[in-house]
Structure formats: C-alpha cells, structure tokens
C-alpha cells in the first residue's frame, strides 16, 4: 500500500507537465457558465481533462501491485468507464464550445449502464464467497451470506434480494454525480476524495482479512482486501494531481477526472458492501448533491426563489464572502471528520460481538 501511494504520486508528477502542455497545445480549455461565479471567469481557458494525470497512474499502479480479481476489475471498470464518459463530455464542450457538454440524459444513460453492469457482476458471478465469521464464544465457524447482502451500521448484515440490482445501480450513479458536482473549486474534488478513500483503505483491508473481520464482527469478503491497493493508488494520484491543481490551478480535472473519481469511490463501497457507510464517509458529496436538488426543487416550487445564493453549496459560501482557498480547506476538514465518523461506525460493530 505504501509503495502504491508513492508510485502513483511520482507517476502523476512525471506525466503532469506533459499532459498540461498537450492540453494547451490542443486548446482543450475550461469554459465558464455565464450564470456562474463572476470571479471564476478569469479561469476560462485553463486546460481541462486533467483527470488523466491521476487516472493513468492509478491504473498503472493498481495493475502493478494489486492481485487482479473481480473487485479490482470492477474498480477499474467503473473508474475508466466513467472517466471515458466524462472525457466524451469534456470533448463535446470543446468541440461545440458550450459549457454543458453531453446532455443530462446521455450522461445518465451511460452511468446507469455501468452501474447496472457492476451490480450484475457482484450479484451473479459464480464462485464469489461472502461470509460472516463467528467468534469462538458463538461456536466459531462462519455464516454464508447471499450475494445480495449489504452491511448496515448497528444492524449488521441485510439481504436486499430483488432490490439489490437497482440499489447498487443507484449508488454508482449517485456517487458519480455527487463527486462531479463537487468539482467546482481549485483542489476541492481531488482533496476531498483523497481524504475520503482513506477509510475505505482500512475497510477494504479488514473486509478481506478473516481474523480482523471476525474480531470486528463484519462480513468477510475474500479478495476485497486488494481494493486497499486501489485506495492507496487513488490517494497517491490525487496528491500528485493537487500539485498542479492547487490554487491557482494550472489544470482542471474536468468531467474526465470527477466522474472517474466518483465511479471508483462507488466501486470501493459496493465491493466492500459498505454502501450505507459511504453516505457518512462521503457526506460532503451527499451535501453537495442535495444542495442542488433542494435548490432546483425550491426554485420551481416557489417560481423563482432560492434557498442558497448558488448551488452546489460550495459556491454559496463563496458568495457569502469566503475566499476560495478557505472554502476548500474547510471542506477538506469537514470531509476528514465525516470520514472518521464513518470509520468509527464500521468499527462499532465490535460492541455487539461476543468476545472470547
């Protein structure tokens, strides 16, 4: 895991200047919405599609250090698949010189297809084994779990049955769009995702380790431990990207990067069966998405009134007078606290497990 962090970080630093120069040469620059924050108009023309800077190192590092299995494959599928969909969106913006890129229906259709594919793989791939290890005080051994189970705070394991496919699809689509909406300030998305993957690194390691899973009373998913390498590779890549994306940004990740980040984080959640925990760990992304939903709904309901000065909510704080750097730093801190709370909820299963 340490090697993965360092390797991914160094690769991002190496390819970063080359990617930025290439994007400038091809004139692939950011377009700014007319109704957006006025101070951001000076960012027009800054190279976008910079998500390549962390996406390529993440893939190379994962293939180098991780043992390939269905869970790692899903992480790469969703990361690369969403990244490719985002790249099409970024290129559409450049070619058609508009800030919106692909239509919402086109992006949503692609996300649903990838999410449903991931759900089907986890639900129907033969040979996948999931179990709930029992402590020695509870007679030892393990309970075999159905392929449609998830882990829920306090309650433990819940079988969703027929609802598993639509649930996982929703998680993938929701997380992809939530992270995409968070990408609006220099260093915001890369920093918050970098913080957010650290709990998943711990969770993946525990979930894939029989002894630790038994000790905490959580599900044991053989092979899920390899996702810790994906987390480490993504963390290192995000650090490397922040080298170039820190304010004032030399490059933006674009939808290429933000959708790839969202897809990869979703893969970590569904691979470790901690989709509900991810709502807390990624609480900042949830808040960003909810702020948009509330703003749009309230605007339509009241025929023109707003809850926030602008959504997503990071723009609201900008317009209240917070400097961009202050918004980003405070959002990093908030996400770190939420990440720790989510990890604490995962570990709290220990309280209800009979000890030897």
Protein backbone atom coordinates (compact mmCIF):
# COMPACT_ATOMS: atom_id res chain seq x y z
CA UNK A 1 0.00 0.00 0.00
CA UNK A 2 2.84 2.40 0.81
CA UNK A 3 4.52 1.56 -2.48
CA UNK A 4 1.24 2.20 -4.27
CA UNK A 5 0.89 5.68 -2.76
CA UNK A 6 4.46 6.66 -3.64
CA UNK A 7 4.39 5.12 -7.13
CA UNK A 8 1.11 6.75 -8.09
CA UNK A 9 2.23 10.12 -6.70
CA UNK A 10 5.55 10.08 -8.55
CA UNK A 11 3.91 8.99 -11.83
CA UNK A 12 1.41 11.86 -11.53
CA UNK A 13 4.26 14.34 -11.02
CA UNK A 14 6.09 12.95 -14.05
CA UNK A 15 3.21 12.97 -16.51
CA UNK A 16 1.52 16.13 -15.17
CA UNK A 17 3.59 18.73 -17.07
CA UNK A 18 3.36 16.69 -20.28
CA UNK A 19 -0.42 16.34 -20.01
CA UNK A 20 -0.86 20.06 -19.30
CA UNK A 21 1.37 21.04 -22.23
CA UNK A 22 -0.53 18.69 -24.55
CA UNK A 23 -3.91 20.05 -23.45
CA UNK A 24 -2.70 23.61 -24.03
CA UNK A 25 -1.40 22.71 -27.47
CA UNK A 26 -4.76 21.18 -28.41
CA UNK A 27 -6.58 24.17 -26.86
CA UNK A 28 -8.67 21.97 -24.59
CA UNK A 29 -9.60 24.66 -22.08
CA UNK A 30 -12.28 25.23 -19.49
CA UNK A 31 -15.48 27.05 -20.46
CA UNK A 32 -17.26 29.02 -17.72
CA UNK A 33 -21.04 29.33 -17.39
CA UNK A 34 -22.35 32.86 -17.81
CA UNK A 35 -24.51 32.47 -14.69
CA UNK A 36 -21.61 31.14 -12.63
CA UNK A 37 -19.46 32.93 -10.04
CA UNK A 38 -18.14 36.04 -11.77
CA UNK A 39 -14.65 35.69 -10.28
CA UNK A 40 -14.30 32.33 -11.98
CA UNK A 41 -14.45 33.86 -15.45
CA UNK A 42 -10.72 34.50 -15.23
CA UNK A 43 -10.29 30.70 -15.20
CA UNK A 44 -11.66 30.40 -18.74
CA UNK A 45 -9.15 28.68 -20.99
CA UNK A 46 -7.29 26.85 -18.21
CA UNK A 47 -6.59 23.31 -19.52
CA UNK A 48 -9.25 20.78 -18.56
CA UNK A 49 -9.43 16.95 -18.85
CA UNK A 50 -6.54 16.91 -16.37
CA UNK A 51 -8.06 13.89 -14.62
CA UNK A 52 -5.74 11.90 -16.86
CA UNK A 53 -2.94 12.99 -14.51
CA UNK A 54 -4.22 10.79 -11.67
CA UNK A 55 -6.28 8.26 -13.63
CA UNK A 56 -3.34 6.84 -15.61
CA UNK A 57 -1.07 6.47 -12.53
CA UNK A 58 -3.92 4.86 -10.58
CA UNK A 59 -4.47 2.24 -13.27
CA UNK A 60 -0.74 1.53 -13.76
CA UNK A 61 -0.10 1.30 -10.02
CA UNK A 62 -3.13 -0.94 -9.42
CA UNK A 63 -2.11 -3.33 -12.21
CA UNK A 64 1.43 -3.42 -10.82
CA UNK A 65 0.74 -4.10 -7.14
CA UNK A 66 -2.82 -5.47 -6.77
CA UNK A 67 -3.85 -9.04 -7.27
CA UNK A 68 -6.39 -8.94 -10.07
CA UNK A 69 -9.83 -10.23 -9.13
CA UNK A 70 -13.46 -9.28 -9.68
CA UNK A 71 -13.37 -6.45 -7.13
CA UNK A 72 -10.27 -4.80 -8.56
CA UNK A 73 -11.70 -5.34 -12.04
CA UNK A 74 -14.92 -3.54 -11.04
CA UNK A 75 -12.94 -0.61 -9.62
CA UNK A 76 -11.02 -0.28 -12.88
CA UNK A 77 -14.19 -0.76 -14.94
CA UNK A 78 -16.12 1.96 -13.14
CA UNK A 79 -13.13 4.29 -12.87
CA UNK A 80 -12.13 4.00 -16.53
CA UNK A 81 -15.71 3.70 -17.78
CA UNK A 82 -16.90 6.83 -16.00
CA UNK A 83 -13.67 8.57 -16.96
CA UNK A 84 -14.26 7.78 -20.63
CA UNK A 85 -17.84 9.03 -20.37
CA UNK A 86 -16.54 12.21 -18.75
CA UNK A 87 -13.91 12.59 -21.47
CA UNK A 88 -16.64 12.48 -24.11
CA UNK A 89 -18.42 15.20 -22.16
CA UNK A 90 -15.28 17.36 -21.95
CA UNK A 91 -14.53 16.96 -25.65
CA UNK A 92 -18.11 17.85 -26.52
CA UNK A 93 -17.71 21.08 -24.56
CA UNK A 94 -14.56 21.95 -26.53
CA UNK A 95 -15.82 20.92 -29.96
CA UNK A 96 -19.21 22.58 -29.59
CA UNK A 97 -17.85 25.47 -27.47
CA UNK A 98 -20.51 25.13 -24.81
CA UNK A 99 -20.17 24.66 -21.06
CA UNK A 100 -22.74 21.85 -20.66
CA UNK A 101 -21.17 19.12 -22.83
CA UNK A 102 -23.26 15.96 -23.21
CA UNK A 103 -26.94 16.19 -22.41
CA UNK A 104 -28.04 15.03 -18.94
CA UNK A 105 -29.90 12.08 -20.49
CA UNK A 106 -26.81 10.92 -22.37
CA UNK A 107 -24.63 11.01 -19.26
CA UNK A 108 -27.28 9.40 -17.10
CA UNK A 109 -27.80 6.58 -19.60
CA UNK A 110 -24.09 5.79 -19.63
CA UNK A 111 -23.90 5.87 -15.84
CA UNK A 112 -26.89 3.57 -15.45
CA UNK A 113 -25.43 1.04 -17.87
CA UNK A 114 -22.12 0.94 -15.98
CA UNK A 115 -23.84 0.81 -12.59
CA UNK A 116 -26.16 -2.00 -13.63
CA UNK A 117 -23.24 -3.94 -15.10
CA UNK A 118 -21.37 -3.66 -11.80
CA UNK A 119 -24.46 -4.82 -9.87
CA UNK A 120 -24.97 -7.82 -12.14
CA UNK A 121 -21.31 -8.84 -11.79
CA UNK A 122 -21.43 -8.74 -7.99
CA UNK A 123 -24.79 -10.49 -7.85
CA UNK A 124 -24.30 -13.28 -10.38
CA UNK A 125 -20.58 -14.01 -10.78
CA UNK A 126 -20.17 -17.68 -9.82
CA UNK A 127 -17.65 -18.61 -7.17
CA UNK A 128 -17.76 -15.38 -5.17
CA UNK A 129 -17.87 -16.16 -1.47
CA UNK A 130 -19.05 -13.89 1.33
CA UNK A 131 -19.45 -14.95 4.91
CA UNK A 132 -19.97 -13.62 8.42
CA UNK A 133 -17.27 -15.06 10.72
CA UNK A 134 -18.48 -16.01 14.19
CA UNK A 135 -16.37 -15.63 17.32
CA UNK A 136 -15.31 -18.63 19.37
CA UNK A 137 -17.87 -17.65 22.02
CA UNK A 138 -20.57 -18.03 19.39
CA UNK A 139 -19.40 -21.54 18.43
CA UNK A 140 -16.95 -20.29 15.78
CA UNK A 141 -17.27 -21.02 12.10
CA UNK A 142 -18.97 -18.72 9.61
CA UNK A 143 -22.39 -17.99 8.18
CA UNK A 144 -22.52 -17.97 4.41
CA UNK A 145 -24.06 -14.75 3.10
CA UNK A 146 -26.21 -14.29 -0.01
CA UNK A 147 -24.73 -12.40 -2.96
CA UNK A 148 -27.31 -9.64 -2.49
CA UNK A 149 -26.29 -8.57 1.03
CA UNK A 150 -25.05 -5.21 2.27
CA UNK A 151 -23.65 -4.10 5.62
CA UNK A 152 -25.66 -1.59 7.63
CA UNK A 153 -24.48 0.32 10.72
CA UNK A 154 -25.72 -1.17 14.02
CA UNK A 155 -27.98 -3.78 12.33
CA UNK A 156 -25.17 -5.67 10.65
CA UNK A 157 -25.93 -7.67 7.51
CA UNK A 158 -29.09 -7.12 5.44
CA UNK A 159 -30.17 -9.12 2.38
CA UNK A 160 -31.74 -6.86 -0.26
CA UNK A 161 -32.84 -9.70 -2.50
CA UNK A 162 -34.51 -8.39 -5.67
CA UNK A 163 -33.77 -4.79 -4.68
CA UNK A 164 -30.00 -5.34 -4.84
CA UNK A 165 -29.57 -4.57 -8.55
CA UNK A 166 -31.44 -1.23 -8.55
CA UNK A 167 -29.85 -0.28 -5.21
CA UNK A 168 -26.27 -0.77 -6.43
CA UNK A 169 -27.05 0.96 -9.71
CA UNK A 170 -28.41 3.94 -7.79
CA UNK A 171 -25.32 4.07 -5.55
CA UNK A 172 -22.99 4.12 -8.57
CA UNK A 173 -24.97 6.82 -10.39
CA UNK A 174 -25.47 8.92 -7.26
CA UNK A 175 -21.84 8.87 -6.19
CA UNK A 176 -20.59 9.62 -9.68
CA UNK A 177 -22.80 12.68 -9.97
CA UNK A 178 -22.17 13.82 -6.39
CA UNK A 179 -18.40 13.91 -6.88
CA UNK A 180 -18.91 15.53 -10.29
CA UNK A 181 -20.90 18.34 -8.64
CA UNK A 182 -18.20 18.80 -6.00
CA UNK A 183 -15.61 19.63 -8.65
CA UNK A 184 -16.03 23.40 -8.80
CA UNK A 185 -13.08 24.94 -6.94
CA UNK A 186 -9.31 24.51 -7.18
CA UNK A 187 -8.30 21.40 -5.26
CA UNK A 188 -11.78 20.68 -3.87
CA UNK A 189 -12.70 17.38 -5.53
CA UNK A 190 -9.19 15.87 -5.52
CA UNK A 191 -8.62 16.80 -1.87
CA UNK A 192 -11.97 15.60 -0.55
CA UNK A 193 -11.79 12.32 -2.48
CA UNK A 194 -8.20 11.83 -1.33
CA UNK A 195 -9.38 12.13 2.27
CA UNK A 196 -12.47 10.02 1.61
CA UNK A 197 -10.62 6.98 0.25
CA UNK A 198 -8.53 6.54 3.41
CA UNK A 199 -11.38 4.98 5.45
CA UNK A 200 -12.12 2.69 2.52
CA UNK A 201 -8.49 1.59 2.56
CA UNK A 202 -8.93 0.43 6.17
CA UNK A 203 -12.36 -1.06 5.50
CA UNK A 204 -11.15 -2.96 2.43
CA UNK A 205 -8.22 -4.40 4.34
CA UNK A 206 -10.41 -5.53 7.24
CA UNK A 207 -13.16 -6.90 4.99
CA UNK A 208 -10.62 -9.01 3.11
CA UNK A 209 -8.90 -10.31 6.28
CA UNK A 210 -10.63 -13.21 8.06
CA UNK A 211 -9.14 -12.58 11.53
CA UNK A 212 -9.89 -8.86 11.58
CA UNK A 213 -13.36 -9.40 10.14
CA UNK A 214 -14.14 -11.95 12.85
CA UNK A 215 -12.78 -9.66 15.56
CA UNK A 216 -14.96 -6.72 14.45
CA UNK A 217 -17.99 -8.84 13.60
CA UNK A 218 -18.16 -7.61 9.98
CA UNK A 219 -18.53 -9.53 6.74
CA UNK A 220 -15.51 -11.34 5.33
CA UNK A 221 -15.24 -10.94 1.55
CA UNK A 222 -12.23 -12.87 0.22
CA UNK A 223 -10.39 -10.77 -2.35
CA UNK A 224 -11.86 -7.44 -1.25
CA UNK A 225 -8.61 -6.66 0.55
CA UNK A 226 -7.00 -5.95 -2.83
CA UNK A 227 -9.17 -2.83 -3.02
CA UNK A 228 -6.85 -1.34 -0.40
CA UNK A 229 -4.24 -1.12 -3.17
CA UNK A 230 -6.75 0.72 -5.37
CA UNK A 231 -7.39 3.16 -2.49
CA UNK A 232 -3.68 3.75 -2.00
CA UNK A 233 -3.12 4.24 -5.73
CA UNK A 234 -6.00 6.70 -5.95
CA UNK A 235 -4.78 8.59 -2.88
CA UNK A 236 -1.28 8.96 -4.34
CA UNK A 237 -2.68 10.03 -7.69
CA UNK A 238 -4.88 12.69 -6.07
CA UNK A 239 -1.89 14.05 -4.17
CA UNK A 240 0.08 14.26 -7.41
CA UNK A 241 -2.79 15.99 -9.18
CA UNK A 242 -3.13 18.52 -6.34
CA UNK A 243 0.45 19.58 -7.08
CA UNK A 244 -0.89 21.13 -10.29
CA UNK A 245 -4.49 21.79 -9.22
CA UNK A 246 -3.80 23.77 -6.03
CA UNK A 247 -4.98 27.38 -6.18
CA UNK A 248 -4.40 28.99 -8.61
CA UNK A 249 -4.90 25.84 -10.67
CA UNK A 250 -2.70 25.08 -13.67
CA UNK A 251 -5.16 22.44 -14.83
CA UNK A 252 -8.68 21.24 -14.05
CA UNK A 253 -9.66 17.57 -13.85
CA UNK A 254 -12.83 18.11 -15.90
CA UNK A 255 -15.58 15.51 -16.05
CA UNK A 256 -12.85 13.09 -17.15
CA UNK A 257 -11.48 13.21 -13.63
CA UNK A 258 -14.51 13.92 -11.46
CA UNK A 259 -16.64 11.14 -12.96
CA UNK A 260 -13.71 8.73 -12.76
CA UNK A 261 -13.27 9.60 -9.07
CA UNK A 262 -16.97 9.11 -8.38
CA UNK A 263 -17.07 5.79 -10.19
CA UNK A 264 -14.01 4.48 -8.35
CA UNK A 265 -15.32 5.52 -4.92
CA UNK A 266 -18.63 3.84 -5.73
CA UNK A 267 -16.74 0.66 -6.66
CA UNK A 268 -14.97 0.72 -3.28
CA UNK A 269 -18.31 1.00 -1.48
CA UNK A 270 -20.13 -1.74 -3.39
CA UNK A 271 -17.08 -4.03 -3.39
CA UNK A 272 -16.80 -3.94 0.41
CA UNK A 273 -20.62 -3.96 0.79
CA UNK A 274 -20.47 -0.69 2.76
CA UNK A 275 -22.80 1.40 0.61
CA UNK A 276 -24.65 2.79 3.64
CA UNK A 277 -21.42 3.67 5.45
CA UNK A 278 -20.33 5.57 2.33
CA UNK A 279 -23.21 8.02 2.87
CA UNK A 280 -21.42 9.15 6.05
CA UNK A 281 -17.85 8.81 4.77
CA UNK A 282 -18.80 10.75 1.64
CA UNK A 283 -21.20 13.02 3.49
CA UNK A 284 -19.74 16.12 1.89
CA UNK A 285 -20.54 14.78 -1.59
CA UNK A 286 -24.06 13.95 -0.42
CA UNK A 287 -24.47 17.51 0.85
CA UNK A 288 -23.25 18.94 -2.46
CA UNK A 289 -25.75 16.86 -4.42
CA UNK A 290 -28.62 17.59 -2.01
CA UNK A 291 -27.94 21.32 -2.24
CA UNK A 292 -28.52 21.15 -5.99
CA UNK A 293 -31.68 19.05 -5.66
CA UNK A 294 -33.11 21.35 -2.97
CA UNK A 295 -32.20 24.49 -4.88
CA UNK A 296 -33.77 23.34 -8.14
CA UNK A 297 -36.89 21.93 -6.45
CA UNK A 298 -37.46 25.01 -4.31
CA UNK A 299 -36.85 27.33 -7.29
CA UNK A 300 -39.52 25.53 -9.33
CA UNK A 301 -41.96 25.29 -6.41
CA UNK A 302 -41.72 28.99 -5.49
CA UNK A 303 -41.38 30.20 -9.09
CA UNK A 304 -38.01 31.85 -8.72
CA UNK A 305 -36.97 31.92 -5.05
CA UNK A 306 -33.74 30.31 -3.84
CA UNK A 307 -32.52 28.61 -0.68
CA UNK A 308 -28.83 29.19 -1.41
CA UNK A 309 -27.20 32.06 -3.21
CA UNK A 310 -25.90 29.49 -5.68
CA UNK A 311 -25.60 25.72 -5.82
CA UNK A 312 -23.69 23.45 -5.43
CA UNK A 313 -23.23 24.66 -1.89
CA UNK A 314 -19.50 25.49 -2.18
CA UNK A 315 -20.49 28.39 -4.46
CA UNK A 316 -22.95 29.60 -1.79
CA UNK A 317 -20.10 30.01 0.69
CA UNK A 318 -18.00 31.78 -1.94
CA UNK A 319 -20.77 34.31 -2.49
CA UNK A 320 -21.12 34.90 1.26
CA UNK A 321 -17.53 36.19 1.26
CA UNK A 322 -15.36 33.15 1.94
CA UNK A 323 -12.18 33.07 -0.12
CA UNK A 324 -11.89 30.09 -2.46
CA UNK A 325 -8.93 28.69 -0.52
CA UNK A 326 -10.90 28.92 2.76
CA UNK A 327 -13.89 27.06 1.30
CA UNK A 328 -11.64 24.29 0.00
CA UNK A 329 -9.66 23.91 3.24
CA UNK A 330 -12.75 23.86 5.43
CA UNK A 331 -14.45 21.33 3.17
CA UNK A 332 -11.36 19.12 3.45
CA UNK A 333 -11.61 19.34 7.25
CA UNK A 334 -15.33 18.54 7.22
CA UNK A 335 -14.79 15.55 4.97
CA UNK A 336 -11.98 14.28 7.21
CA UNK A 337 -14.28 14.41 10.24
CA UNK A 338 -17.06 12.62 8.35
CA UNK A 339 -14.57 10.01 7.16
CA UNK A 340 -13.50 9.32 10.74
CA UNK A 341 -17.12 9.09 11.89
CA UNK A 342 -17.91 6.63 9.11
CA UNK A 343 -14.89 4.52 10.01
CA UNK A 344 -15.95 4.63 13.65
CA UNK A 345 -19.41 3.35 12.73
CA UNK A 346 -17.82 0.47 10.86
CA UNK A 347 -15.65 -0.41 13.87
CA UNK A 348 -18.57 -0.03 16.32
CA UNK A 349 -19.83 -3.47 15.32
CA UNK A 350 -17.23 -4.61 17.85
CA UNK A 351 -19.56 -3.52 20.66
CA UNK A 352 -22.13 -6.17 19.76
CA UNK A 353 -19.73 -9.04 19.10
CA UNK A 354 -19.24 -11.64 21.85
CA UNK A 355 -15.59 -11.60 22.88
CA UNK A 356 -13.50 -14.69 23.55
